[in-house]
Amino acid sequence: MISIKESTYDGGIATQALAYSIQEAFKNGAVDLWVDPNPANVKAIDLYHKLGFVQKEMPEYVIAMGEDPTLYTYMELEKNDFSAKFEDAINTIEYDNKKEMLKKADSYLKRRSSN
């Protein structure tokens, strides 16, 4: 389980942490991965989509492990799909961080000039 402190949301940290974990799983032999976020957690679902996860019907073996298809959204990621999406996701992080840094710098300069 990966948990990100709420105060760091929207900074790209969740994307970086999840992407790193996915890379490590695939590097260590995983062929595919699955997650089952709560359907109300739209931010998580969007992030999973961004990294290449695809929503599918929950397989029987996952249900047999105790997961409830009526409560969770089953999403799966194959190694090849992740590789294709990974670079786009990382580029988005870099762009968002640069944009945020520029916004903060602009705000700082405006405050300084008004004093």
C-alpha atoms as a PDB file:
ATOM      1  CA  MET A   1       0.000   0.000   0.000  1.00  0.00           C
ATOM      2  CA  ILE A   2       1.199   3.488  -0.846  1.00  0.00           C
ATOM      3  CA  SER A   3      -0.109   6.382   1.197  1.00  0.00           C
ATOM      4  CA  ILE A   4       0.635  10.017   0.399  1.00  0.00           C
ATOM      5  CA  LYS A   5       0.295  12.831   2.930  1.00  0.00           C
ATOM      6  CA  GLU A   6      -2.682  14.989   1.937  1.00  0.00           C
ATOM      7  CA  SER A   7      -0.721  18.250   2.136  1.00  0.00           C
ATOM      8  CA  THR A   8       1.453  17.041  -0.764  1.00  0.00           C
ATOM      9  CA  TYR A   9      -1.454  16.278  -3.115  1.00  0.00           C
ATOM     10  CA  ASP A  10      -1.255  17.823  -6.585  1.00  0.00           C
ATOM     11  CA  GLY A  11       2.526  18.089  -6.461  1.00  0.00           C
ATOM     12  CA  GLY A  12       3.212  14.996  -8.548  1.00  0.00           C
ATOM     13  CA  ILE A  13       4.517  13.023  -5.575  1.00  0.00           C
ATOM     14  CA  ALA A  14       1.789  10.372  -5.789  1.00  0.00           C
ATOM     15  CA  THR A  15       2.490   9.874  -9.485  1.00  0.00           C
ATOM     16  CA  GLN A  16       6.216   9.584  -8.884  1.00  0.00           C
ATOM     17  CA  ALA A  17       5.795   7.178  -5.944  1.00  0.00           C
ATOM     18  CA  LEU A  18       3.345   4.976  -7.813  1.00  0.00           C
ATOM     19  CA  ALA A  19       5.409   5.015 -11.021  1.00  0.00           C
ATOM     20  CA  TYR A  20       8.505   4.003  -9.067  1.00  0.00           C
ATOM     21  CA  SER A  21       6.633   1.174  -7.336  1.00  0.00           C
ATOM     22  CA  ILE A  22       5.279  -0.059 -10.660  1.00  0.00           C
ATOM     23  CA  GLN A  23       8.728   0.059 -12.241  1.00  0.00           C
ATOM     24  CA  GLU A  24      10.159  -1.961  -9.352  1.00  0.00           C
ATOM     25  CA  ALA A  25       7.379  -4.546  -9.563  1.00  0.00           C
ATOM     26  CA  PHE A  26       7.952  -5.045 -13.286  1.00  0.00           C
ATOM     27  CA  LYS A  27      11.725  -5.063 -12.849  1.00  0.00           C
ATOM     28  CA  ASN A  28      11.310  -7.850 -10.287  1.00  0.00           C
ATOM     29  CA  GLY A  29       9.256 -10.069 -12.582  1.00  0.00           C
ATOM     30  CA  ALA A  30       5.639  -8.922 -12.431  1.00  0.00           C
ATOM     31  CA  VAL A  31       3.823  -9.382 -15.730  1.00  0.00           C
ATOM     32  CA  ASP A  32       0.753  -7.376 -14.804  1.00  0.00           C
ATOM     33  CA  LEU A  33      -0.575  -5.460 -11.802  1.00  0.00           C
ATOM     34  CA  TRP A  34      -4.040  -4.680 -10.522  1.00  0.00           C
ATOM     35  CA  VAL A  35      -5.600  -2.134  -8.205  1.00  0.00           C
ATOM     36  CA  ASP A  36      -9.128  -1.795  -6.893  1.00  0.00           C
ATOM     37  CA  PRO A  37      -9.753   1.791  -5.834  1.00  0.00           C
ATOM     38  CA  ASN A  38     -12.998   2.984  -4.341  1.00  0.00           C
ATOM     39  CA  PRO A  39     -15.128   4.338  -7.223  1.00  0.00           C
ATOM     40  CA  ALA A  40     -15.559   7.608  -5.305  1.00  0.00           C
ATOM     41  CA  ASN A  41     -11.779   8.186  -5.360  1.00  0.00           C
ATOM     42  CA  VAL A  42     -11.759   9.949  -8.730  1.00  0.00           C
ATOM     43  CA  LYS A  43      -8.233  11.358  -8.277  1.00  0.00           C
ATOM     44  CA  ALA A  44      -6.790   7.874  -7.754  1.00  0.00           C
ATOM     45  CA  ILE A  45      -8.685   6.462 -10.729  1.00  0.00           C
ATOM     46  CA  ASP A  46      -7.467   9.339 -12.917  1.00  0.00           C
ATOM     47  CA  LEU A  47      -3.892   8.699 -11.778  1.00  0.00           C
ATOM     48  CA  TYR A  48      -4.164   4.985 -12.539  1.00  0.00           C
ATOM     49  CA  HIS A  49      -5.525   5.784 -16.010  1.00  0.00           C
ATOM     50  CA  LYS A  50      -2.684   8.248 -16.551  1.00  0.00           C
ATOM     51  CA  LEU A  51      -0.177   5.477 -15.827  1.00  0.00           C
ATOM     52  CA  GLY A  52      -1.881   3.023 -18.192  1.00  0.00           C
ATOM     53  CA  PHE A  53      -4.255   1.056 -15.951  1.00  0.00           C
ATOM     54  CA  VAL A  54      -7.413  -0.105 -17.731  1.00  0.00           C
ATOM     55  CA  GLN A  55     -10.738  -0.680 -16.010  1.00  0.00           C
ATOM     56  CA  LYS A  56     -11.935  -4.265 -16.480  1.00  0.00           C
ATOM     57  CA  GLU A  57     -14.371  -6.741 -15.010  1.00  0.00           C
ATOM     58  CA  MET A  58     -12.988  -8.132 -11.757  1.00  0.00           C
ATOM     59  CA  PRO A  59     -11.617 -11.665 -12.364  1.00  0.00           C
ATOM     60  CA  GLU A  60     -12.859 -14.618 -10.337  1.00  0.00           C
ATOM     61  CA  TYR A  61      -9.468 -15.210  -8.699  1.00  0.00           C
ATOM     62  CA  VAL A  62      -9.526 -11.653  -7.292  1.00  0.00           C
ATOM     63  CA  ILE A  63     -13.074 -12.123  -6.005  1.00  0.00           C
ATOM     64  CA  ALA A  64     -11.957 -15.422  -4.420  1.00  0.00           C
ATOM     65  CA  MET A  65      -9.329 -13.403  -2.493  1.00  0.00           C
ATOM     66  CA  GLY A  66     -12.178 -11.481  -0.838  1.00  0.00           C
ATOM     67  CA  GLU A  67     -12.466  -8.437  -3.106  1.00  0.00           C
ATOM     68  CA  ASP A  68     -16.013  -7.250  -3.801  1.00  0.00           C
ATOM     69  CA  PRO A  69     -16.729  -6.146  -7.391  1.00  0.00           C
ATOM     70  CA  THR A  70     -19.770  -4.188  -6.202  1.00  0.00           C
ATOM     71  CA  LEU A  71     -17.614  -2.019  -3.916  1.00  0.00           C
ATOM     72  CA  TYR A  72     -14.431  -1.454  -5.923  1.00  0.00           C
ATOM     73  CA  THR A  73     -13.297  -0.549  -9.409  1.00  0.00           C
ATOM     74  CA  TYR A  74     -10.947  -3.217 -10.761  1.00  0.00           C
ATOM     75  CA  MET A  75      -8.112  -1.859 -12.911  1.00  0.00           C
ATOM     76  CA  GLU A  76      -5.248  -3.755 -14.498  1.00  0.00           C
ATOM     77  CA  LEU A  77      -1.894  -2.759 -15.973  1.00  0.00           C
ATOM     78  CA  GLU A  78       0.275  -4.842 -18.268  1.00  0.00           C
ATOM     79  CA  LYS A  79       3.992  -4.169 -18.440  1.00  0.00           C
ATOM     80  CA  ASN A  80       3.894  -3.016 -22.083  1.00  0.00           C
ATOM     81  CA  ASP A  81       1.026  -0.601 -21.408  1.00  0.00           C
ATOM     82  CA  PHE A  82       2.933   0.983 -18.524  1.00  0.00           C
ATOM     83  CA  SER A  83       6.097   1.453 -20.547  1.00  0.00           C
ATOM     84  CA  ALA A  84       4.116   3.298 -23.203  1.00  0.00           C
ATOM     85  CA  LYS A  85       2.390   5.625 -20.698  1.00  0.00           C
ATOM     86  CA  PHE A  86       5.238   6.120 -18.242  1.00  0.00           C
ATOM     87  CA  GLU A  87       7.174   8.739 -20.200  1.00  0.00           C
ATOM     88  CA  ASP A  88       4.027  10.813 -20.816  1.00  0.00           C
ATOM     89  CA  ALA A  89       3.166  10.711 -17.103  1.00  0.00           C
ATOM     90  CA  ILE A  90       6.668  11.763 -16.048  1.00  0.00           C
ATOM     91  CA  ASN A  91       6.711  14.592 -18.597  1.00  0.00           C
ATOM     92  CA  THR A  92       3.405  15.811 -17.175  1.00  0.00           C
ATOM     93  CA  ILE A  93       4.886  15.811 -13.664  1.00  0.00           C
ATOM     94  CA  GLU A  94       7.865  17.834 -14.822  1.00  0.00           C
ATOM     95  CA  TYR A  95       5.602  20.297 -16.640  1.00  0.00           C
ATOM     96  CA  ASP A  96       3.221  20.647 -13.686  1.00  0.00           C
ATOM     97  CA  ASN A  97       6.124  21.187 -11.264  1.00  0.00           C
ATOM     98  CA  LYS A  98       7.680  23.845 -13.504  1.00  0.00           C
ATOM     99  CA  LYS A  99       4.315  25.551 -13.918  1.00  0.00           C
ATOM    100  CA  GLU A 100       3.758  25.531 -10.143  1.00  0.00           C
ATOM    101  CA  MET A 101       7.260  26.863  -9.483  1.00  0.00           C
ATOM    102  CA  LEU A 102       6.712  29.704 -11.966  1.00  0.00           C
ATOM    103  CA  LYS A 103       3.368  30.533 -10.370  1.00  0.00           C
ATOM    104  CA  LYS A 104       4.961  30.659  -6.892  1.00  0.00           C
ATOM    105  CA  ALA A 105       7.851  32.785  -8.150  1.00  0.00           C
ATOM    106  CA  ASP A 106       5.442  35.199  -9.831  1.00  0.00           C
ATOM    107  CA  SER A 107       3.371  35.461  -6.657  1.00  0.00           C
ATOM    108  CA  TYR A 108       6.510  36.113  -4.599  1.00  0.00           C
ATOM    109  CA  LEU A 109       7.676  38.863  -6.965  1.00  0.00           C
ATOM    110  CA  LYS A 110       4.260  40.541  -6.902  1.00  0.00           C
ATOM    111  CA  ARG A 111       4.266  40.539  -3.089  1.00  0.00           C
ATOM    112  CA  ARG A 112       7.774  42.003  -3.003  1.00  0.00           C
ATOM    113  CA  SER A 113       6.959  44.738  -5.496  1.00  0.00           C
ATOM    114  CA  SER A 114       3.823  45.799  -3.594  1.00  0.00           C
ATOM    115  CA  ASN A 115       5.783  46.283  -0.329  1.00  0.00           C
END
